[in-house]
Amino acid sequence: MPRSRAILFAASLAALAARTVAAGVPTTPAPATPAVATPKAIADKLAEFKTADELWAHFQALQRGPRGQGTTPEARAKAFQEFVTEVCATGERFVALYPADPRRWEARLTAARLSQRVAKGKSQAEVEQLYREAAAAPDAPVEIKARARLGLIQMHREGVKEDTPKEKVTALDAEIVAFANDFPKNDALPELQTARAALWEKRDAARSLMLLEELARGANPEVARQAAAQLRFRNIRKQPLALKFTALDGSEVDLEQMRGKVVLIDYWATTNGPCVADTPTKIATYEKLHDKGFEIVGISLDSDKERLLKFINEKNLPWPQYFDGKAFRNAISSSFAIRSIPAMWLINKEGYVVSTDARGELEELVTKQLAE
């Protein structure tokens, strides 16, 4: 498995499968493997694989996702349950038959994390213990140790709340620093390093800012880029937002030339369900308030130009769109550290960002800014 898939691989697999089933979107079918449901059927199928390599190939093929999706929530839930059952059974068989094979750690970690997504699966504590075992195991490959350490960090990050004691935040910060020292070339480092600053943002703003400035001057170019983006995002309210580009329709967009108007900067994608669901609200607000000085500027995080153009034409979206085909590596969104969409920024008449979360009350916020 290439390094690029090492970032929280088990958590990502589980989340992807769960989101896929919930959305009812078909996944790529596993090759030539009929659907199985009962423990006996699974056992009979697994008995056909006579070598470690054969069983491992089957285990990897299963990870492409559930084969049968179903047309109802119940059917999709059943399909996902069967998918998890088969993945876990295959992983357990591999571990039992080949206890010295280094791939057993990947089998255990993948199955354990995935099992958390269903009833009667492994508990958080069990998965955390397994990560610790893999991270400390003398015979675990370096890549597995890195994945296990990343899994622990992710679990600990998920546990951080606003009222989390400072001691735990300090421990997590140290955990990330230790990972960076042990795995200086890991693909997860840019996000992890900037996450350190986020940990301290509401607890010690000065420390958080100092961390970002330090990372922005660092030797790792991707870490420096993301830290610089975080710094730009934190400073967006301090001066008028500068944004200038040639839109998908060939028009020139320059926020400086739009002073005196209220502008929505809409980071979105046609592949994102909530973004698509927001479209009628944006259209209605635009049609109601455009003549009074309201504009929308779309920043599309799509990768498929034809799909984007088709959506724009079908919905008759009249506002300009930025598109570079880079999805979440979009030049504009990544320069402001946008990591999730929908993201709606509202710009006032003077060009300042007055809201970075205009969803849910768009018309009210625009109306208020137009009146000022």
Protein backbone atom coordinates (compact mmCIF):
# COMPACT_ATOMS: atom_id res chain seq x y z
CA MET A 1 0.00 0.00 0.00
CA PRO A 2 1.62 3.32 -1.02
CA ARG A 3 2.61 5.95 1.53
CA SER A 4 -0.11 8.32 0.33
CA ARG A 5 -2.71 5.98 1.82
CA ALA A 6 -0.99 5.90 5.18
CA ILE A 7 -2.82 8.88 6.64
CA LEU A 8 -5.18 7.44 9.17
CA PHE A 9 -5.88 4.58 6.79
CA ALA A 10 -8.22 2.58 8.97
CA ALA A 11 -10.28 5.56 10.05
CA SER A 12 -10.51 6.76 6.49
CA LEU A 13 -11.61 3.34 5.24
CA ALA A 14 -14.33 3.10 7.85
CA ALA A 15 -15.58 6.62 7.28
CA LEU A 16 -15.57 6.18 3.50
CA ALA A 17 -17.53 2.97 3.65
CA ALA A 18 -20.03 4.40 6.09
CA ARG A 19 -20.56 7.56 4.05
CA THR A 20 -20.90 5.54 0.86
CA VAL A 21 -23.59 3.31 2.32
CA ALA A 22 -25.40 6.25 3.90
CA ALA A 23 -25.46 8.11 0.61
CA GLY A 24 -26.40 5.08 -1.44
CA VAL A 25 -23.57 5.73 -3.91
CA PRO A 26 -22.25 2.57 -5.58
CA THR A 27 -18.63 1.65 -4.94
CA THR A 28 -16.31 -0.17 -7.31
CA PRO A 29 -17.29 -3.84 -7.02
CA ALA A 30 -14.77 -6.34 -5.74
CA PRO A 31 -13.72 -8.65 -8.57
CA ALA A 32 -15.59 -11.90 -9.06
CA THR A 33 -16.59 -12.36 -5.44
CA PRO A 34 -20.27 -13.09 -4.80
CA ALA A 35 -22.02 -11.45 -1.89
CA VAL A 36 -21.93 -13.44 1.31
CA ALA A 37 -23.93 -13.02 4.47
CA THR A 38 -23.81 -15.93 6.89
CA PRO A 39 -20.73 -16.89 8.94
CA LYS A 40 -20.71 -20.33 7.27
CA ALA A 41 -20.81 -18.82 3.79
CA ILE A 42 -17.93 -16.53 4.70
CA ALA A 43 -15.92 -19.40 6.20
CA ASP A 44 -16.52 -21.57 3.15
CA LYS A 45 -15.37 -18.79 0.86
CA LEU A 46 -12.23 -18.10 2.89
CA ALA A 47 -11.32 -21.79 2.88
CA GLU A 48 -10.78 -21.52 -0.87
CA PHE A 49 -7.68 -19.38 -0.38
CA LYS A 50 -4.74 -21.71 0.18
CA THR A 51 -1.83 -19.30 0.53
CA ALA A 52 -1.12 -16.10 2.45
CA ASP A 53 -0.88 -14.12 -0.78
CA GLU A 54 -4.22 -15.39 -2.06
CA LEU A 55 -5.97 -14.57 1.20
CA TRP A 56 -4.29 -11.18 1.36
CA ALA A 57 -5.40 -10.31 -2.16
CA HIS A 58 -8.97 -11.15 -1.16
CA PHE A 59 -8.67 -9.01 1.97
CA GLN A 60 -7.49 -6.03 -0.05
CA ALA A 61 -10.22 -6.51 -2.67
CA LEU A 62 -12.87 -6.47 0.06
CA GLN A 63 -11.74 -3.02 1.19
CA ARG A 64 -13.16 -1.45 -1.95
CA GLY A 65 -16.47 -1.34 -0.15
CA PRO A 66 -19.83 -3.11 0.03
CA ARG A 67 -20.92 -4.75 -3.21
CA GLY A 68 -24.68 -4.65 -2.77
CA GLN A 69 -26.05 -1.28 -1.66
CA GLY A 70 -29.81 -1.83 -1.55
CA THR A 71 -32.53 0.72 -2.20
CA THR A 72 -33.68 1.38 1.37
CA PRO A 73 -31.84 2.56 4.52
CA GLU A 74 -32.42 -0.86 6.05
CA ALA A 75 -30.99 -2.67 3.03
CA ARG A 76 -27.97 -0.38 2.95
CA ALA A 77 -27.38 -0.89 6.67
CA LYS A 78 -27.56 -4.65 6.19
CA ALA A 79 -25.13 -4.49 3.26
CA PHE A 80 -22.67 -2.50 5.34
CA GLN A 81 -23.02 -4.90 8.28
CA GLU A 82 -22.27 -7.84 5.98
CA PHE A 83 -19.34 -5.97 4.47
CA VAL A 84 -17.81 -5.33 7.90
CA THR A 85 -18.46 -8.91 9.00
CA GLU A 86 -16.65 -10.27 5.96
CA VAL A 87 -13.69 -7.89 6.26
CA CYS A 88 -13.27 -8.70 9.95
CA ALA A 89 -13.58 -12.45 9.40
CA THR A 90 -11.00 -12.32 6.62
CA GLY A 91 -8.61 -10.29 8.73
CA GLU A 92 -9.02 -12.63 11.69
CA ARG A 93 -8.38 -15.67 9.50
CA PHE A 94 -5.24 -14.15 8.05
CA VAL A 95 -3.90 -13.40 11.54
CA ALA A 96 -4.76 -16.90 12.77
CA LEU A 97 -3.21 -18.72 9.81
CA TYR A 98 -0.14 -16.54 9.36
CA PRO A 99 0.82 -15.22 12.81
CA ALA A 100 4.36 -14.32 11.72
CA ASP A 101 3.41 -12.49 8.52
CA PRO A 102 4.05 -8.73 8.99
CA ARG A 103 0.85 -7.98 7.06
CA ARG A 104 -1.13 -9.30 10.02
CA TRP A 105 -0.82 -5.87 11.66
CA GLU A 106 -2.54 -4.17 8.76
CA ALA A 107 -5.25 -6.83 8.81
CA ARG A 108 -5.82 -6.34 12.53
CA LEU A 109 -5.83 -2.55 12.42
CA THR A 110 -8.12 -2.28 9.40
CA ALA A 111 -10.64 -4.79 10.72
CA ALA A 112 -10.64 -3.33 14.23
CA ARG A 113 -11.20 0.26 13.17
CA LEU A 114 -13.87 -0.74 10.67
CA SER A 115 -15.71 -2.84 13.23
CA GLN A 116 -16.30 0.30 15.30
CA ARG A 117 -18.82 1.41 12.71
CA VAL A 118 -21.30 -1.36 13.48
CA ALA A 119 -23.14 -2.76 16.48
CA LYS A 120 -21.19 -5.16 18.69
CA GLY A 121 -17.91 -4.08 17.11
CA LYS A 122 -14.71 -3.31 18.95
CA SER A 123 -14.81 -0.54 21.51
CA GLN A 124 -12.76 2.64 21.36
CA ALA A 125 -10.58 1.32 24.17
CA GLU A 126 -9.93 -1.97 22.34
CA VAL A 127 -8.90 -0.19 19.16
CA GLU A 128 -6.66 2.19 21.07
CA GLN A 129 -4.96 -0.76 22.80
CA LEU A 130 -4.41 -2.44 19.44
CA TYR A 131 -2.83 0.73 18.06
CA ARG A 132 -0.49 0.81 21.04
CA GLU A 133 0.50 -2.82 20.49
CA ALA A 134 1.22 -2.23 16.81
CA ALA A 135 3.20 0.94 17.52
CA ALA A 136 5.38 -0.91 20.04
CA ALA A 137 5.65 -4.30 18.30
CA PRO A 138 9.30 -5.12 17.43
CA ASP A 139 8.30 -6.92 14.23
CA ALA A 140 5.76 -4.39 12.97
CA PRO A 141 6.90 -2.65 9.75
CA VAL A 142 7.79 1.03 10.04
CA GLU A 143 4.78 1.97 7.92
CA ILE A 144 2.46 0.09 10.28
CA LYS A 145 4.03 1.79 13.30
CA ALA A 146 3.40 5.15 11.66
CA ARG A 147 -0.23 4.24 10.91
CA ALA A 148 -0.78 3.06 14.45
CA ARG A 149 0.69 6.24 15.87
CA LEU A 150 -1.48 8.29 13.51
CA GLY A 151 -4.51 6.32 14.62
CA LEU A 152 -3.77 7.11 18.26
CA ILE A 153 -3.29 10.80 17.49
CA GLN A 154 -6.56 10.92 15.58
CA MET A 155 -8.46 9.24 18.41
CA HIS A 156 -6.95 11.65 20.91
CA ARG A 157 -7.77 14.63 18.70
CA GLU A 158 -11.38 13.48 18.43
CA GLY A 159 -11.52 13.46 22.22
CA VAL A 160 -10.44 17.09 22.59
CA LYS A 161 -13.33 19.38 23.51
CA GLU A 162 -13.51 22.97 24.67
CA ASP A 163 -13.41 21.86 28.30
CA THR A 164 -10.57 19.34 27.86
CA PRO A 165 -7.95 19.91 30.58
CA LYS A 166 -4.82 21.72 29.46
CA GLU A 167 -2.70 18.74 30.55
CA LYS A 168 -4.34 16.50 27.95
CA VAL A 169 -3.89 19.11 25.22
CA THR A 170 -0.23 19.44 26.17
CA ALA A 171 0.15 15.65 25.99
CA LEU A 172 -1.46 15.53 22.53
CA ASP A 173 0.77 18.35 21.34
CA ALA A 174 3.82 16.41 22.54
CA GLU A 175 2.49 13.30 20.82
CA ILE A 176 2.33 15.13 17.49
CA VAL A 177 5.83 16.57 17.95
CA ALA A 178 7.19 13.10 18.72
CA PHE A 179 5.53 11.70 15.59
CA ALA A 180 7.05 14.49 13.48
CA ASN A 181 10.49 13.70 14.87
CA ASP A 182 10.13 9.95 14.26
CA PHE A 183 8.49 10.19 10.82
CA PRO A 184 9.73 13.46 9.28
CA LYS A 185 8.65 12.54 5.73
CA ASN A 186 5.16 11.25 6.49
CA ASP A 187 2.39 12.68 4.31
CA ALA A 188 0.26 13.48 7.35
CA LEU A 189 2.74 15.98 8.80
CA PRO A 190 1.44 19.20 7.17
CA GLU A 191 -2.06 18.71 8.55
CA LEU A 192 -0.81 17.48 11.92
CA GLN A 193 1.63 20.31 12.40
CA THR A 194 -0.95 23.00 11.71
CA ALA A 195 -3.39 21.08 13.92
CA ARG A 196 -1.05 21.87 16.81
CA ALA A 197 -1.80 25.54 16.34
CA ALA A 198 -5.53 24.84 16.26
CA LEU A 199 -5.26 22.97 19.56
CA TRP A 200 -3.98 26.10 21.27
CA GLU A 201 -6.02 28.72 19.39
CA LYS A 202 -8.68 29.14 22.10
CA ARG A 203 -6.45 28.17 25.02
CA ASP A 204 -3.32 30.22 24.32
CA ALA A 205 -3.74 32.45 21.29
CA ALA A 206 -0.20 33.82 21.48
CA ARG A 207 1.28 30.32 21.54
CA SER A 208 -0.93 29.26 18.63
CA LEU A 209 0.16 32.24 16.53
CA MET A 210 3.81 31.66 17.39
CA LEU A 211 3.54 28.03 16.26
CA LEU A 212 2.05 29.01 12.90
CA GLU A 213 4.69 31.65 12.30
CA GLU A 214 7.42 29.15 13.17
CA LEU A 215 5.96 26.50 10.86
CA ALA A 216 5.55 29.03 8.04
CA ARG A 217 9.31 29.64 8.20
CA GLY A 218 10.16 25.94 8.40
CA ALA A 219 12.04 23.76 5.92
CA ASN A 220 9.11 21.51 4.98
CA PRO A 221 7.49 23.33 2.02
CA GLU A 222 4.04 21.78 2.43
CA VAL A 223 3.97 22.46 6.18
CA ALA A 224 5.07 26.04 5.48
CA ARG A 225 2.37 26.46 2.81
CA GLN A 226 -0.42 25.24 5.07
CA ALA A 227 0.82 27.30 8.02
CA ALA A 228 0.92 30.40 5.84
CA ALA A 229 -2.64 29.66 4.71
CA GLN A 230 -3.74 29.41 8.34
CA LEU A 231 -2.11 32.75 9.07
CA ARG A 232 -3.89 34.36 6.12
CA PHE A 233 -7.20 32.94 7.33
CA ARG A 234 -6.66 34.36 10.82
CA ASN A 235 -5.92 37.78 9.37
CA ILE A 236 -8.81 38.00 6.90
CA ARG A 237 -10.82 40.29 9.18
CA LYS A 238 -7.97 42.75 9.66
CA GLN A 239 -8.00 44.22 6.15
CA PRO A 240 -10.16 44.10 3.00
CA LEU A 241 -10.04 40.70 1.34
CA ALA A 242 -7.94 40.63 -1.82
CA LEU A 243 -9.25 38.25 -4.49
CA LYS A 244 -8.81 38.50 -8.24
CA PHE A 245 -9.17 35.86 -10.96
CA THR A 246 -10.55 35.00 -14.40
CA ALA A 247 -13.82 33.13 -14.01
CA LEU A 248 -14.92 29.99 -15.80
CA ASP A 249 -17.05 32.08 -18.18
CA GLY A 250 -14.11 34.34 -19.05
CA SER A 251 -15.23 37.30 -16.94
CA GLU A 252 -12.77 39.09 -14.67
CA VAL A 253 -13.49 39.02 -10.94
CA ASP A 254 -11.82 41.53 -8.61
CA LEU A 255 -13.20 42.14 -5.14
CA GLU A 256 -11.57 45.57 -5.08
CA GLN A 257 -13.81 46.57 -7.98
CA MET A 258 -16.86 45.32 -6.06
CA ARG A 259 -16.56 47.73 -3.16
CA GLY A 260 -19.96 49.12 -2.19
CA LYS A 261 -21.60 45.74 -2.71
CA VAL A 262 -22.16 42.83 -0.33
CA VAL A 263 -20.46 39.72 -1.68
CA LEU A 264 -20.79 36.07 -0.79
CA ILE A 265 -17.65 33.98 -1.41
CA ASP A 266 -19.04 30.48 -1.81
CA TYR A 267 -16.60 27.55 -1.49
CA TRP A 268 -18.49 24.55 -2.83
CA ALA A 269 -18.56 21.54 -5.18
CA THR A 270 -21.20 19.69 -7.17
CA THR A 271 -20.02 16.45 -5.56
CA ASN A 272 -20.85 17.65 -2.05
CA GLY A 273 -24.41 16.93 -0.91
CA PRO A 274 -24.83 19.88 1.50
CA CYS A 275 -23.44 22.26 -1.13
CA VAL A 276 -25.99 21.07 -3.67
CA ALA A 277 -28.74 21.28 -1.05
CA ASP A 278 -27.80 24.93 -0.40
CA THR A 279 -28.23 25.90 -4.05
CA PRO A 280 -31.93 26.87 -3.93
CA THR A 281 -31.29 29.16 -0.95
CA LYS A 282 -28.41 30.88 -2.72
CA ILE A 283 -30.46 31.34 -5.89
CA ALA A 284 -33.45 32.71 -3.98
CA THR A 285 -31.29 35.15 -2.00
CA TYR A 286 -29.48 36.28 -5.12
CA GLU A 287 -32.71 36.87 -7.07
CA LYS A 288 -34.25 38.80 -4.17
CA LEU A 289 -31.28 40.99 -3.26
CA HIS A 290 -29.07 41.24 -6.35
CA ASP A 291 -30.68 44.47 -7.54
CA LYS A 292 -29.99 45.94 -4.09
CA GLY A 293 -26.26 45.27 -4.32
CA PHE A 294 -25.72 41.59 -3.52
CA GLU A 295 -23.24 39.48 -5.50
CA ILE A 296 -22.05 35.87 -5.28
CA VAL A 297 -18.64 34.59 -6.29
CA GLY A 298 -18.29 30.82 -6.51
CA ILE A 299 -15.04 29.00 -5.75
CA SER A 300 -15.60 25.52 -7.13
CA LEU A 301 -13.65 22.65 -5.56
CA ASP A 302 -14.73 20.30 -8.34
CA SER A 303 -12.28 18.28 -10.42
CA ASP A 304 -14.65 17.55 -13.33
CA LYS A 305 -15.19 20.64 -15.48
CA GLU A 306 -17.96 19.12 -17.58
CA ARG A 307 -19.91 18.10 -14.50
CA LEU A 308 -19.57 21.61 -13.10
CA LEU A 309 -20.68 23.26 -16.34
CA LYS A 310 -23.66 20.94 -16.60
CA PHE A 311 -24.75 21.81 -13.05
CA ILE A 312 -24.33 25.55 -13.67
CA ASN A 313 -26.42 25.34 -16.84
CA GLU A 314 -29.13 23.15 -15.32
CA LYS A 315 -29.52 25.43 -12.30
CA ASN A 316 -29.03 28.64 -14.29
CA LEU A 317 -26.44 29.95 -11.84
CA PRO A 318 -25.76 33.55 -12.95
CA TRP A 319 -22.71 34.32 -10.81
CA PRO A 320 -19.04 33.78 -11.78
CA GLN A 321 -17.14 30.66 -10.76
CA TYR A 322 -13.46 30.02 -10.15
CA PHE A 323 -12.34 26.55 -11.26
CA ASP A 324 -8.89 25.02 -11.60
CA GLY A 325 -9.78 21.31 -11.41
CA LYS A 326 -7.67 20.69 -8.31
CA ALA A 327 -10.53 19.89 -5.90
CA PHE A 328 -9.30 20.46 -2.34
CA ARG A 329 -5.94 21.57 -3.70
CA ASN A 330 -7.83 24.47 -5.30
CA ALA A 331 -5.44 27.42 -5.45
CA ILE A 332 -7.80 29.91 -3.82
CA SER A 333 -9.41 27.71 -1.16
CA SER A 334 -6.13 26.14 -0.08
CA SER A 335 -4.52 29.56 0.23
CA PHE A 336 -7.04 30.26 2.99
CA ALA A 337 -6.82 26.80 4.60
CA ILE A 338 -10.35 25.74 3.55
CA ARG A 339 -10.58 22.07 4.56
CA SER A 340 -14.32 21.45 4.49
CA ILE A 341 -17.24 22.64 2.42
CA PRO A 342 -19.75 24.23 2.21
CA ALA A 343 -17.92 27.33 3.41
CA MET A 344 -19.59 30.70 2.93
CA TRP A 345 -17.79 33.98 3.59
CA LEU A 346 -19.76 37.21 3.58
CA ILE A 347 -17.93 40.38 2.55
CA ASN A 348 -19.31 43.79 3.53
CA LYS A 349 -19.38 46.93 1.37
CA GLU A 350 -15.91 47.94 2.51
CA GLY A 351 -14.47 44.57 1.47
CA TYR A 352 -14.03 43.09 4.95
CA VAL A 353 -15.03 39.53 5.86
CA VAL A 354 -17.87 39.85 8.36
CA SER A 355 -18.79 36.15 8.52
CA THR A 356 -17.05 32.89 7.65
CA ASP A 357 -20.22 30.88 8.29
CA ALA A 358 -23.12 32.47 6.46
CA ARG A 359 -25.02 29.20 5.99
CA GLY A 360 -28.46 28.96 7.55
CA GLU A 361 -29.04 32.70 7.79
CA LEU A 362 -27.78 33.95 4.45
CA GLU A 363 -30.68 36.25 3.57
CA GLU A 364 -30.77 37.79 7.05
CA LEU A 365 -27.02 38.48 7.05
CA VAL A 366 -27.03 39.93 3.55
CA THR A 367 -30.03 42.14 4.29
CA LYS A 368 -28.33 43.47 7.42
CA GLN A 369 -25.12 44.30 5.55
CA LEU A 370 -26.98 45.96 2.69
CA ALA A 371 -28.71 48.23 5.20
CA GLU A 372 -25.44 49.44 6.72
